[in-house]
Amino acid sequence: KTEVTELIKKHFGDDADKAIICFKSESGLRASAFNGKNKNGTWDSGIAQVNSIHCPKIGLKTGSKECKDALFDVETN
């Protein structure tokens, strides 16, 4: 978890403490956290529980294996 909190501090700066509290609530700061299928067929994963519908924003197809793998990566998530 130390590595995760350091990455959060790197990306969130002065708002890192708020982000850490939020992500602890979402996933317990577990990169492997996964919330199965939502009603619309999407899923949430990673420390921030990013929804798979957002994968096109990082150049990946929603619901693809590449999308899932990327969202389990702490820095991408």
Protein backbone atom coordinates (compact mmCIF):
# COMPACT_ATOMS: atom_id res chain seq x y z
CA LYS A 1 0.00 0.00 0.00
CA THR A 2 2.96 2.32 0.50
CA GLU A 3 3.66 2.20 -3.25
CA VAL A 4 0.02 2.99 -3.96
CA THR A 5 -0.08 5.96 -1.59
CA GLU A 6 3.17 7.30 -3.08
CA LEU A 7 1.65 7.16 -6.57
CA ILE A 8 -1.47 8.91 -5.31
CA LYS A 9 0.67 11.65 -3.77
CA LYS A 10 2.59 11.98 -7.06
CA HIS A 11 -0.57 12.46 -9.12
CA PHE A 12 -2.85 14.30 -6.69
CA GLY A 13 -0.38 16.61 -4.94
CA ASP A 14 -2.14 18.76 -2.34
CA ASP A 15 -5.34 16.72 -2.74
CA ALA A 16 -3.62 13.37 -2.08
CA ASP A 17 -5.05 12.96 1.43
CA LYS A 18 -8.59 13.36 0.07
CA ALA A 19 -7.88 10.93 -2.77
CA ILE A 20 -6.44 8.35 -0.37
CA ILE A 21 -9.55 8.55 1.82
CA CYS A 22 -11.78 8.17 -1.23
CA PHE A 23 -9.80 5.26 -2.71
CA LYS A 24 -9.66 3.48 0.66
CA SER A 25 -13.45 3.66 0.70
CA GLU A 26 -13.73 2.46 -2.91
CA SER A 27 -11.22 -0.39 -2.87
CA GLY A 28 -9.29 -0.54 0.39
CA LEU A 29 -6.38 0.65 -1.83
CA ARG A 30 -6.33 -2.77 -3.52
CA ALA A 31 -5.30 -2.65 -7.16
CA SER A 32 -7.08 -5.98 -7.66
CA ALA A 33 -10.47 -4.71 -6.42
CA PHE A 34 -13.25 -5.64 -8.86
CA ASN A 35 -16.96 -4.94 -8.84
CA GLY A 36 -18.50 -7.41 -11.31
CA LYS A 37 -21.08 -6.29 -13.79
CA ASN A 38 -23.15 -3.17 -13.44
CA LYS A 39 -26.71 -3.05 -14.81
CA ASN A 40 -25.40 -1.58 -18.06
CA GLY A 41 -22.83 -4.37 -18.52
CA THR A 42 -19.84 -2.31 -17.43
CA TRP A 43 -17.65 -3.03 -14.41
CA ASP A 44 -15.53 -1.09 -11.92
CA SER A 45 -11.97 -2.01 -11.05
CA GLY A 46 -8.74 -0.93 -9.40
CA ILE A 47 -7.97 1.41 -6.55
CA ALA A 48 -10.34 4.14 -7.75
CA GLN A 49 -12.97 1.70 -9.06
CA VAL A 50 -12.85 3.31 -12.49
CA ASN A 51 -15.75 2.18 -14.66
CA SER A 52 -14.84 0.30 -17.84
CA ILE A 53 -16.91 2.75 -19.89
CA HIS A 54 -13.98 5.17 -19.58
CA CYS A 55 -11.46 2.95 -21.39
CA PRO A 56 -11.83 4.81 -24.71
CA LYS A 57 -10.31 7.82 -22.94
CA ILE A 58 -7.06 5.85 -22.74
CA GLY A 59 -7.40 4.41 -26.25
CA LEU A 60 -8.90 1.05 -25.31
CA LYS A 61 -12.19 -0.62 -26.19
CA THR A 62 -14.75 -0.70 -23.38
CA GLY A 63 -14.93 -4.17 -21.85
CA SER A 64 -11.84 -5.52 -23.61
CA LYS A 65 -9.16 -7.58 -21.87
CA GLU A 66 -6.72 -4.71 -22.49
CA CYS A 67 -9.14 -2.34 -20.80
CA LYS A 68 -9.45 -4.63 -17.79
CA ASP A 69 -5.68 -5.09 -17.53
CA ALA A 70 -5.09 -1.34 -17.78
CA LEU A 71 -7.59 -0.53 -15.03
CA PHE A 72 -5.88 -2.99 -12.68
CA ASP A 73 -2.63 -1.06 -13.18
CA VAL A 74 -2.38 1.35 -10.24
CA GLU A 75 -0.88 4.24 -12.17
CA THR A 76 -3.34 3.97 -15.07
CA ASN A 77 -6.29 3.66 -12.70
